[in-house]
Amino acid sequence: MHLKNILFISIIISICLGLGFIVDNPIVINAIILIFIIHWISFIPANIYKTEKFFDLTGSLAYISVVCYVLYSKSKSFDSIFGEIIISASILIWAVRLGSFLFLRIKKAGEDKRFREFKKSWSRWLLTWTTSGMWVTICSLCALTAISSNSVIEIGLLFYLGLFLFITGIIIEIVADLQKTKFRSILTNKEKFISTGLWSKSRHPNYFGEITLWFGISIMSFSNLNGLELITLISPIFTYWLLVYVSGVNILEKNGQKKWGHLESYKKYIKNTPRLFFKIFG
């Protein structure tokens, strides 16, 4: 089992560094290495104390660290980097907001049940933290490549469209999280599912917001991508795949069926409410 997990860790590192070498930018490669160093250092106390309480916070710290690193590297070569600053600020705002929200949530809950089995094996637990490093790497790769490019990001209609999508996405994510937190704070709702507010338009509006804001960041970054750098546009696609088919929607839908699948009200909610994208009318 340990050998299998170590093999998967090696594959993840190879994929991420491989993407860095395809981009052929030493700043991006250094950023990828920094991402995994941060995760592996955080893994040490997480494994000793068998805790996941700062798992999401570590991901946010990695985003913040690499964005600051690539922006600082770019600022040494160019005087005017307004577009790069906007993209960096967008990611920083998102990372601080989501990281603190998830940290406070797990601190209150005491445990994230998804990690209960992972913590029993050090190699599987290390694989989990390494996978988080891959998430940070691939999701941010498009922005990191654009920010650290040898040219300056163009501020035009496409850039403003991306900024609009980012603002729209992060507002949706924040409102959805606040609505669910308020709903869960009511004791009588403890064993109920939320179907009000944005949750009446989408079964997972927070993930819709997340996907939308990363799509916006990729559009803002687009003007500074050339040749093989265009492969980094995998970032928003990866975010969609990860949230819908791996760690987010897929797991929650299965848990929802186990918990409320026998209820007619839940069956009606599933039938009438889109899984991810918003229901515009009704």
C-alpha atoms as a PDB file:
ATOM      1  CA  MET A   1       0.000   0.000   0.000  1.00  0.00           C
ATOM      2  CA  HIS A   2       2.796   2.440   0.878  1.00  0.00           C
ATOM      3  CA  LEU A   3       4.583   1.684  -2.398  1.00  0.00           C
ATOM      4  CA  LYS A   4       1.403   2.337  -4.384  1.00  0.00           C
ATOM      5  CA  ASN A   5       0.842   5.685  -2.675  1.00  0.00           C
ATOM      6  CA  ILE A   6       4.464   6.728  -3.204  1.00  0.00           C
ATOM      7  CA  LEU A   7       4.091   5.811  -6.883  1.00  0.00           C
ATOM      8  CA  PHE A   8       1.019   8.047  -7.163  1.00  0.00           C
ATOM      9  CA  ILE A   9       2.918  10.856  -5.419  1.00  0.00           C
ATOM     10  CA  SER A  10       5.746  10.498  -7.959  1.00  0.00           C
ATOM     11  CA  ILE A  11       3.245  10.632 -10.834  1.00  0.00           C
ATOM     12  CA  ILE A  12       1.643  13.802  -9.449  1.00  0.00           C
ATOM     13  CA  ILE A  13       5.022  15.517  -9.077  1.00  0.00           C
ATOM     14  CA  SER A  14       6.029  14.443 -12.588  1.00  0.00           C
ATOM     15  CA  ILE A  15       2.807  15.806 -14.105  1.00  0.00           C
ATOM     16  CA  CYS A  16       3.059  19.165 -12.331  1.00  0.00           C
ATOM     17  CA  LEU A  17       6.762  19.684 -13.032  1.00  0.00           C
ATOM     18  CA  GLY A  18       6.194  18.448 -16.576  1.00  0.00           C
ATOM     19  CA  LEU A  19       3.648  21.220 -17.110  1.00  0.00           C
ATOM     20  CA  GLY A  20       6.179  23.682 -15.704  1.00  0.00           C
ATOM     21  CA  PHE A  21       8.874  22.534 -18.140  1.00  0.00           C
ATOM     22  CA  ILE A  22       6.411  22.698 -21.061  1.00  0.00           C
ATOM     23  CA  VAL A  23       5.740  26.334 -20.172  1.00  0.00           C
ATOM     24  CA  ASP A  24       9.543  26.717 -20.043  1.00  0.00           C
ATOM     25  CA  ASN A  25       9.557  29.448 -17.426  1.00  0.00           C
ATOM     26  CA  PRO A  26      11.937  29.095 -14.428  1.00  0.00           C
ATOM     27  CA  ILE A  27       9.715  31.329 -12.278  1.00  0.00           C
ATOM     28  CA  VAL A  28       6.748  29.006 -12.842  1.00  0.00           C
ATOM     29  CA  ILE A  29       8.886  25.934 -12.116  1.00  0.00           C
ATOM     30  CA  ASN A  30      10.131  27.515  -8.885  1.00  0.00           C
ATOM     31  CA  ALA A  31       6.533  28.360  -7.949  1.00  0.00           C
ATOM     32  CA  ILE A  32       5.454  24.741  -8.465  1.00  0.00           C
ATOM     33  CA  ILE A  33       8.303  23.508  -6.274  1.00  0.00           C
ATOM     34  CA  LEU A  34       7.342  26.053  -3.594  1.00  0.00           C
ATOM     35  CA  ILE A  35       3.747  24.819  -3.639  1.00  0.00           C
ATOM     36  CA  PHE A  36       4.780  21.258  -2.816  1.00  0.00           C
ATOM     37  CA  ILE A  37       7.351  22.336  -0.209  1.00  0.00           C
ATOM     38  CA  ILE A  38       4.623  24.255   1.647  1.00  0.00           C
ATOM     39  CA  HIS A  39       2.310  21.249   1.562  1.00  0.00           C
ATOM     40  CA  TRP A  40       4.968  18.764   2.655  1.00  0.00           C
ATOM     41  CA  ILE A  41       6.135  20.946   5.547  1.00  0.00           C
ATOM     42  CA  SER A  42       2.514  21.284   6.693  1.00  0.00           C
ATOM     43  CA  PHE A  43       2.071  17.523   6.361  1.00  0.00           C
ATOM     44  CA  ILE A  44       4.626  16.860   9.123  1.00  0.00           C
ATOM     45  CA  PRO A  45       2.568  18.241  12.056  1.00  0.00           C
ATOM     46  CA  ALA A  46      -0.645  17.072  10.330  1.00  0.00           C
ATOM     47  CA  ASN A  47       0.662  13.503  10.382  1.00  0.00           C
ATOM     48  CA  ILE A  48       2.048  13.708  13.905  1.00  0.00           C
ATOM     49  CA  TYR A  49      -1.237  14.967  15.356  1.00  0.00           C
ATOM     50  CA  LYS A  50      -3.472  13.225  12.790  1.00  0.00           C
ATOM     51  CA  THR A  51      -5.327  16.424  12.009  1.00  0.00           C
ATOM     52  CA  GLU A  52      -6.774  18.025   8.899  1.00  0.00           C
ATOM     53  CA  LYS A  53      -7.713  21.306  10.580  1.00  0.00           C
ATOM     54  CA  PHE A  54      -5.184  23.359   8.585  1.00  0.00           C
ATOM     55  CA  PHE A  55      -5.450  21.363   5.341  1.00  0.00           C
ATOM     56  CA  ASP A  56      -7.486  23.988   3.451  1.00  0.00           C
ATOM     57  CA  LEU A  57      -5.538  26.800   5.109  1.00  0.00           C
ATOM     58  CA  THR A  58      -2.317  25.314   3.715  1.00  0.00           C
ATOM     59  CA  GLY A  59      -3.754  25.369   0.210  1.00  0.00           C
ATOM     60  CA  SER A  60      -4.626  29.036   0.611  1.00  0.00           C
ATOM     61  CA  LEU A  61      -1.158  29.790   1.972  1.00  0.00           C
ATOM     62  CA  ALA A  62       0.357  28.101  -1.083  1.00  0.00           C
ATOM     63  CA  TYR A  63      -1.766  30.214  -3.442  1.00  0.00           C
ATOM     64  CA  ILE A  64      -0.838  33.410  -1.603  1.00  0.00           C
ATOM     65  CA  SER A  65       2.879  32.547  -1.497  1.00  0.00           C
ATOM     66  CA  VAL A  66       3.326  31.681  -5.173  1.00  0.00           C
ATOM     67  CA  VAL A  67       1.229  34.583  -6.433  1.00  0.00           C
ATOM     68  CA  CYS A  68       3.272  37.033  -4.345  1.00  0.00           C
ATOM     69  CA  TYR A  69       6.478  35.368  -5.576  1.00  0.00           C
ATOM     70  CA  VAL A  70       5.652  35.577  -9.301  1.00  0.00           C
ATOM     71  CA  LEU A  71       4.271  39.115  -9.004  1.00  0.00           C
ATOM     72  CA  TYR A  72       7.425  40.273  -7.209  1.00  0.00           C
ATOM     73  CA  SER A  73       9.574  38.612  -9.892  1.00  0.00           C
ATOM     74  CA  LYS A  74       7.605  40.396 -12.623  1.00  0.00           C
ATOM     75  CA  SER A  75       7.779  43.783 -10.889  1.00  0.00           C
ATOM     76  CA  LYS A  76      11.591  43.705 -11.061  1.00  0.00           C
ATOM     77  CA  SER A  77      11.466  43.791 -14.872  1.00  0.00           C
ATOM     78  CA  PHE A  78       8.445  45.987 -15.648  1.00  0.00           C
ATOM     79  CA  ASP A  79       7.245  49.307 -14.247  1.00  0.00           C
ATOM     80  CA  SER A  80       3.625  49.038 -15.387  1.00  0.00           C
ATOM     81  CA  ILE A  81       1.956  45.715 -14.548  1.00  0.00           C
ATOM     82  CA  PHE A  82      -1.631  46.773 -13.829  1.00  0.00           C
ATOM     83  CA  GLY A  83      -3.167  43.620 -15.332  1.00  0.00           C
ATOM     84  CA  GLU A  84      -0.820  41.370 -13.375  1.00  0.00           C
ATOM     85  CA  ILE A  85      -1.696  43.202 -10.146  1.00  0.00           C
ATOM     86  CA  ILE A  86      -5.442  42.803 -10.792  1.00  0.00           C
ATOM     87  CA  ILE A  87      -5.122  39.053 -11.426  1.00  0.00           C
ATOM     88  CA  SER A  88      -2.876  38.617  -8.392  1.00  0.00           C
ATOM     89  CA  ALA A  89      -5.204  40.642  -6.161  1.00  0.00           C
ATOM     90  CA  SER A  90      -8.163  38.570  -7.375  1.00  0.00           C
ATOM     91  CA  ILE A  91      -6.480  35.292  -6.414  1.00  0.00           C
ATOM     92  CA  LEU A  92      -5.276  36.704  -3.081  1.00  0.00           C
ATOM     93  CA  ILE A  93      -8.760  37.941  -2.144  1.00  0.00           C
ATOM     94  CA  TRP A  94     -10.276  34.586  -3.092  1.00  0.00           C
ATOM     95  CA  ALA A  95      -7.597  32.580  -1.225  1.00  0.00           C
ATOM     96  CA  VAL A  96      -7.840  34.617   1.998  1.00  0.00           C
ATOM     97  CA  ARG A  97     -11.640  34.539   1.984  1.00  0.00           C
ATOM     98  CA  LEU A  98     -12.085  30.844   1.190  1.00  0.00           C
ATOM     99  CA  GLY A  99      -9.148  29.663   3.299  1.00  0.00           C
ATOM    100  CA  SER A 100     -10.351  31.488   6.409  1.00  0.00           C
ATOM    101  CA  PHE A 101     -13.949  30.368   5.823  1.00  0.00           C
ATOM    102  CA  LEU A 102     -12.994  26.682   5.515  1.00  0.00           C
ATOM    103  CA  PHE A 103     -10.607  26.875   8.483  1.00  0.00           C
ATOM    104  CA  LEU A 104     -13.248  28.369  10.763  1.00  0.00           C
ATOM    105  CA  ARG A 105     -15.785  25.828   9.545  1.00  0.00           C
ATOM    106  CA  ILE A 106     -13.620  22.800  10.297  1.00  0.00           C
ATOM    107  CA  LYS A 107     -12.488  24.332  13.589  1.00  0.00           C
ATOM    108  CA  LYS A 108     -16.123  24.509  14.626  1.00  0.00           C
ATOM    109  CA  ALA A 109     -16.970  21.040  13.289  1.00  0.00           C
ATOM    110  CA  GLY A 110     -13.843  19.474  14.786  1.00  0.00           C
ATOM    111  CA  GLU A 111     -13.318  17.034  11.927  1.00  0.00           C
ATOM    112  CA  ASP A 112     -13.725  16.559   8.184  1.00  0.00           C
ATOM    113  CA  LYS A 113     -15.095  13.034   7.843  1.00  0.00           C
ATOM    114  CA  ARG A 114     -13.704  12.709   4.303  1.00  0.00           C
ATOM    115  CA  PHE A 115     -10.188  12.413   5.749  1.00  0.00           C
ATOM    116  CA  ARG A 116     -10.946   9.936   8.525  1.00  0.00           C
ATOM    117  CA  GLU A 117      -9.595   6.899   6.661  1.00  0.00           C
ATOM    118  CA  PHE A 118      -6.748   8.774   4.955  1.00  0.00           C
ATOM    119  CA  LYS A 119      -5.129   9.695   8.279  1.00  0.00           C
ATOM    120  CA  LYS A 120      -4.657   6.048   9.250  1.00  0.00           C
ATOM    121  CA  SER A 121      -1.799   5.585   6.756  1.00  0.00           C
ATOM    122  CA  TRP A 122       1.094   8.070   6.573  1.00  0.00           C
ATOM    123  CA  SER A 123       1.636   7.397   2.857  1.00  0.00           C
ATOM    124  CA  ARG A 124      -2.024   7.836   1.973  1.00  0.00           C
ATOM    125  CA  TRP A 125      -2.153  10.958   4.126  1.00  0.00           C
ATOM    126  CA  LEU A 126       0.954  12.299   2.337  1.00  0.00           C
ATOM    127  CA  LEU A 127      -0.703  11.486  -0.992  1.00  0.00           C
ATOM    128  CA  THR A 128      -3.703  13.554   0.085  1.00  0.00           C
ATOM    129  CA  TRP A 129      -1.515  16.577   0.881  1.00  0.00           C
ATOM    130  CA  THR A 130       0.423  16.100  -2.362  1.00  0.00           C
ATOM    131  CA  THR A 131      -2.861  15.981  -4.280  1.00  0.00           C
ATOM    132  CA  SER A 132      -3.733  19.328  -2.727  1.00  0.00           C
ATOM    133  CA  GLY A 133      -0.427  20.626  -4.094  1.00  0.00           C
ATOM    134  CA  MET A 134      -1.473  19.424  -7.545  1.00  0.00           C
ATOM    135  CA  TRP A 135      -4.799  21.228  -7.140  1.00  0.00           C
ATOM    136  CA  VAL A 136      -3.039  24.510  -6.332  1.00  0.00           C
ATOM    137  CA  THR A 137      -0.521  24.000  -9.154  1.00  0.00           C
ATOM    138  CA  ILE A 138      -2.921  23.230 -11.984  1.00  0.00           C
ATOM    139  CA  CYS A 139      -5.660  25.656 -10.907  1.00  0.00           C
ATOM    140  CA  SER A 140      -3.222  28.570 -10.658  1.00  0.00           C
ATOM    141  CA  LEU A 141      -0.940  27.575 -13.557  1.00  0.00           C
ATOM    142  CA  CYS A 142      -2.679  29.750 -16.138  1.00  0.00           C
ATOM    143  CA  ALA A 143      -2.435  32.849 -13.947  1.00  0.00           C
ATOM    144  CA  LEU A 144       1.124  32.131 -12.793  1.00  0.00           C
ATOM    145  CA  THR A 145       2.272  31.728 -16.395  1.00  0.00           C
ATOM    146  CA  ALA A 146       0.590  34.939 -17.531  1.00  0.00           C
ATOM    147  CA  ILE A 147       1.836  36.993 -14.581  1.00  0.00           C
ATOM    148  CA  SER A 148       5.452  35.815 -14.968  1.00  0.00           C
ATOM    149  CA  SER A 149       5.513  36.162 -18.775  1.00  0.00           C
ATOM    150  CA  ASN A 150       8.106  38.357 -20.517  1.00  0.00           C
ATOM    151  CA  SER A 151       5.304  40.579 -21.821  1.00  0.00           C
ATOM    152  CA  VAL A 152       2.648  42.672 -20.099  1.00  0.00           C
ATOM    153  CA  ILE A 153      -0.988  41.603 -19.878  1.00  0.00           C
ATOM    154  CA  GLU A 154      -3.232  43.564 -22.225  1.00  0.00           C
ATOM    155  CA  ILE A 155      -6.080  45.524 -20.645  1.00  0.00           C
ATOM    156  CA  GLY A 156      -8.973  45.313 -23.077  1.00  0.00           C
ATOM    157  CA  LEU A 157     -12.506  44.034 -23.535  1.00  0.00           C
ATOM    158  CA  LEU A 158     -11.464  40.404 -22.977  1.00  0.00           C
ATOM    159  CA  PHE A 159      -9.676  41.292 -19.741  1.00  0.00           C
ATOM    160  CA  TYR A 160     -12.710  43.166 -18.409  1.00  0.00           C
ATOM    161  CA  LEU A 161     -14.955  40.251 -19.355  1.00  0.00           C
ATOM    162  CA  GLY A 162     -12.722  37.971 -17.292  1.00  0.00           C
ATOM    163  CA  LEU A 163     -12.759  40.420 -14.382  1.00  0.00           C
ATOM    164  CA  PHE A 164     -16.565  40.587 -14.564  1.00  0.00           C
ATOM    165  CA  LEU A 165     -16.788  36.780 -14.446  1.00  0.00           C
ATOM    166  CA  PHE A 166     -14.389  36.662 -11.492  1.00  0.00           C
ATOM    167  CA  ILE A 167     -16.400  39.239  -9.522  1.00  0.00           C
ATOM    168  CA  THR A 168     -19.662  37.462 -10.392  1.00  0.00           C
ATOM    169  CA  GLY A 169     -18.229  34.084  -9.384  1.00  0.00           C
ATOM    170  CA  ILE A 170     -16.789  35.171  -6.056  1.00  0.00           C
ATOM    171  CA  ILE A 171     -19.997  37.010  -5.101  1.00  0.00           C
ATOM    172  CA  ILE A 172     -22.041  33.894  -5.866  1.00  0.00           C
ATOM    173  CA  GLU A 173     -19.622  31.745  -3.853  1.00  0.00           C
ATOM    174  CA  ILE A 174     -19.649  34.083  -0.840  1.00  0.00           C
ATOM    175  CA  VAL A 175     -23.441  34.508  -0.820  1.00  0.00           C
ATOM    176  CA  ALA A 176     -23.985  30.747  -1.196  1.00  0.00           C
ATOM    177  CA  ASP A 177     -21.600  29.993   1.679  1.00  0.00           C
ATOM    178  CA  LEU A 178     -23.230  32.610   3.908  1.00  0.00           C
ATOM    179  CA  GLN A 179     -26.718  31.306   3.138  1.00  0.00           C
ATOM    180  CA  LYS A 180     -25.739  27.731   3.963  1.00  0.00           C
ATOM    181  CA  THR A 181     -23.919  28.786   7.144  1.00  0.00           C
ATOM    182  CA  LYS A 182     -26.980  30.721   8.318  1.00  0.00           C
ATOM    183  CA  PHE A 183     -29.228  27.772   7.447  1.00  0.00           C
ATOM    184  CA  ARG A 184     -27.018  25.319   9.384  1.00  0.00           C
ATOM    185  CA  SER A 185     -26.898  27.644  12.404  1.00  0.00           C
ATOM    186  CA  ILE A 186     -30.591  26.997  13.051  1.00  0.00           C
ATOM    187  CA  LEU A 187     -30.844  23.884  15.249  1.00  0.00           C
ATOM    188  CA  THR A 188     -34.037  22.633  13.611  1.00  0.00           C
ATOM    189  CA  ASN A 189     -32.240  22.564  10.238  1.00  0.00           C
ATOM    190  CA  LYS A 190     -29.406  20.314  11.429  1.00  0.00           C
ATOM    191  CA  GLU A 191     -30.638  17.218   9.569  1.00  0.00           C
ATOM    192  CA  LYS A 192     -32.293  19.081   6.681  1.00  0.00           C
ATOM    193  CA  PHE A 193     -31.049  20.024   3.211  1.00  0.00           C
ATOM    194  CA  ILE A 194     -30.982  23.639   2.070  1.00  0.00           C
ATOM    195  CA  SER A 195     -33.243  24.591  -0.832  1.00  0.00           C
ATOM    196  CA  THR A 196     -33.650  28.341  -0.385  1.00  0.00           C
ATOM    197  CA  GLY A 197     -31.855  31.397  -1.772  1.00  0.00           C
ATOM    198  CA  LEU A 198     -29.235  30.562  -4.390  1.00  0.00           C
ATOM    199  CA  TRP A 199     -29.657  26.906  -3.414  1.00  0.00           C
ATOM    200  CA  SER A 200     -33.107  26.985  -5.011  1.00  0.00           C
ATOM    201  CA  LYS A 201     -31.487  27.847  -8.342  1.00  0.00           C
ATOM    202  CA  SER A 202     -28.606  25.364  -8.178  1.00  0.00           C
ATOM    203  CA  ARG A 203     -27.880  22.382  -5.922  1.00  0.00           C
ATOM    204  CA  HIS A 204     -24.258  23.537  -5.658  1.00  0.00           C
ATOM    205  CA  PRO A 205     -24.135  27.332  -6.248  1.00  0.00           C
ATOM    206  CA  ASN A 206     -20.872  27.681  -4.288  1.00  0.00           C
ATOM    207  CA  TYR A 207     -19.105  25.365  -6.742  1.00  0.00           C
ATOM    208  CA  PHE A 208     -20.718  27.164  -9.673  1.00  0.00           C
ATOM    209  CA  GLY A 209     -19.247  30.395  -8.320  1.00  0.00           C
ATOM    210  CA  GLU A 210     -15.838  28.744  -7.883  1.00  0.00           C
ATOM    211  CA  ILE A 211     -15.775  27.473 -11.457  1.00  0.00           C
ATOM    212  CA  THR A 212     -16.967  30.827 -12.794  1.00  0.00           C
ATOM    213  CA  LEU A 213     -14.306  32.863 -10.988  1.00  0.00           C
ATOM    214  CA  TRP A 214     -11.450  30.604 -12.181  1.00  0.00           C
ATOM    215  CA  PHE A 215     -12.814  30.771 -15.708  1.00  0.00           C
ATOM    216  CA  GLY A 216     -12.695  34.560 -15.331  1.00  0.00           C
ATOM    217  CA  ILE A 217      -9.068  34.448 -14.172  1.00  0.00           C
ATOM    218  CA  SER A 218      -8.108  32.340 -17.202  1.00  0.00           C
ATOM    219  CA  ILE A 219      -9.758  34.879 -19.532  1.00  0.00           C
ATOM    220  CA  MET A 220      -7.884  37.753 -17.847  1.00  0.00           C
ATOM    221  CA  SER A 221      -4.650  35.779 -18.332  1.00  0.00           C
ATOM    222  CA  PHE A 222      -5.279  34.817 -21.964  1.00  0.00           C
ATOM    223  CA  SER A 223      -3.568  37.759 -23.691  1.00  0.00           C
ATOM    224  CA  ASN A 224      -0.206  36.821 -22.144  1.00  0.00           C
ATOM    225  CA  LEU A 225      -0.221  33.181 -23.239  1.00  0.00           C
ATOM    226  CA  ASN A 226       1.593  32.113 -26.388  1.00  0.00           C
ATOM    227  CA  GLY A 227       2.510  28.831 -28.039  1.00  0.00           C
ATOM    228  CA  LEU A 228       2.812  25.941 -25.590  1.00  0.00           C
ATOM    229  CA  GLU A 229       1.782  28.261 -22.758  1.00  0.00           C
ATOM    230  CA  LEU A 230      -1.784  27.827 -24.006  1.00  0.00           C
ATOM    231  CA  ILE A 231      -1.742  24.382 -22.417  1.00  0.00           C
ATOM    232  CA  THR A 232      -2.176  26.163 -19.073  1.00  0.00           C
ATOM    233  CA  LEU A 233      -5.773  26.912 -20.101  1.00  0.00           C
ATOM    234  CA  ILE A 234      -6.375  23.472 -18.629  1.00  0.00           C
ATOM    235  CA  SER A 235      -6.679  25.347 -15.299  1.00  0.00           C
ATOM    236  CA  PRO A 236     -10.436  26.141 -15.405  1.00  0.00           C
ATOM    237  CA  ILE A 237     -11.165  22.752 -17.018  1.00  0.00           C
ATOM    238  CA  PHE A 238      -9.296  21.019 -14.207  1.00  0.00           C
ATOM    239  CA  THR A 239     -11.203  23.077 -11.633  1.00  0.00           C
ATOM    240  CA  TYR A 240     -14.504  21.990 -13.195  1.00  0.00           C
ATOM    241  CA  TRP A 241     -13.459  18.327 -13.316  1.00  0.00           C
ATOM    242  CA  LEU A 242     -12.145  18.354  -9.749  1.00  0.00           C
ATOM    243  CA  LEU A 243     -15.179  20.039  -8.209  1.00  0.00           C
ATOM    244  CA  VAL A 244     -17.820  18.167 -10.188  1.00  0.00           C
ATOM    245  CA  TYR A 245     -16.415  14.656 -10.541  1.00  0.00           C
ATOM    246  CA  VAL A 246     -13.854  14.204  -7.732  1.00  0.00           C
ATOM    247  CA  SER A 247     -13.955  16.110  -4.456  1.00  0.00           C
ATOM    248  CA  GLY A 248     -17.104  18.210  -4.535  1.00  0.00           C
ATOM    249  CA  VAL A 249     -20.408  17.662  -6.279  1.00  0.00           C
ATOM    250  CA  ASN A 250     -20.007  13.918  -6.806  1.00  0.00           C
ATOM    251  CA  ILE A 251     -19.363  13.168  -3.120  1.00  0.00           C
ATOM    252  CA  LEU A 252     -22.076  15.521  -1.856  1.00  0.00           C
ATOM    253  CA  GLU A 253     -24.666  14.093  -4.247  1.00  0.00           C
ATOM    254  CA  LYS A 254     -23.968  10.542  -3.059  1.00  0.00           C
ATOM    255  CA  ASN A 255     -24.132  11.620   0.587  1.00  0.00           C
ATOM    256  CA  GLY A 256     -27.354  13.508  -0.107  1.00  0.00           C
ATOM    257  CA  GLN A 257     -28.967  10.431  -1.612  1.00  0.00           C
ATOM    258  CA  LYS A 258     -27.985   8.352   1.420  1.00  0.00           C
ATOM    259  CA  LYS A 259     -29.296  10.953   3.842  1.00  0.00           C
ATOM    260  CA  TRP A 260     -32.423  12.313   2.144  1.00  0.00           C
ATOM    261  CA  GLY A 261     -32.982  10.093  -0.899  1.00  0.00           C
ATOM    262  CA  HIS A 262     -36.095   8.548   0.667  1.00  0.00           C
ATOM    263  CA  LEU A 263     -37.783  11.943   1.118  1.00  0.00           C
ATOM    264  CA  GLU A 264     -40.297  13.106  -1.496  1.00  0.00           C
ATOM    265  CA  SER A 265     -39.268  16.716  -0.894  1.00  0.00           C
ATOM    266  CA  TYR A 266     -35.653  15.840  -1.744  1.00  0.00           C
ATOM    267  CA  LYS A 267     -36.680  13.891  -4.845  1.00  0.00           C
ATOM    268  CA  LYS A 268     -38.659  16.934  -5.985  1.00  0.00           C
ATOM    269  CA  TYR A 269     -35.692  19.226  -5.247  1.00  0.00           C
ATOM    270  CA  ILE A 270     -33.341  17.010  -7.280  1.00  0.00           C
ATOM    271  CA  LYS A 271     -35.804  16.863 -10.169  1.00  0.00           C
ATOM    272  CA  ASN A 272     -36.494  20.603 -10.338  1.00  0.00           C
ATOM    273  CA  THR A 273     -33.086  22.072  -9.433  1.00  0.00           C
ATOM    274  CA  PRO A 274     -30.036  21.868 -11.748  1.00  0.00           C
ATOM    275  CA  ARG A 275     -27.020  20.104 -10.264  1.00  0.00           C
ATOM    276  CA  LEU A 276     -24.575  22.946 -10.984  1.00  0.00           C
ATOM    277  CA  PHE A 277     -25.664  25.589 -13.465  1.00  0.00           C
ATOM    278  CA  PHE A 278     -28.317  28.075 -12.436  1.00  0.00           C
ATOM    279  CA  LYS A 279     -32.005  27.767 -13.218  1.00  0.00           C
ATOM    280  CA  ILE A 280     -32.763  31.157 -14.704  1.00  0.00           C
ATOM    281  CA  PHE A 281     -36.530  30.970 -14.557  1.00  0.00           C
ATOM    282  CA  GLY A 282     -38.858  29.493 -11.974  1.00  0.00           C
END
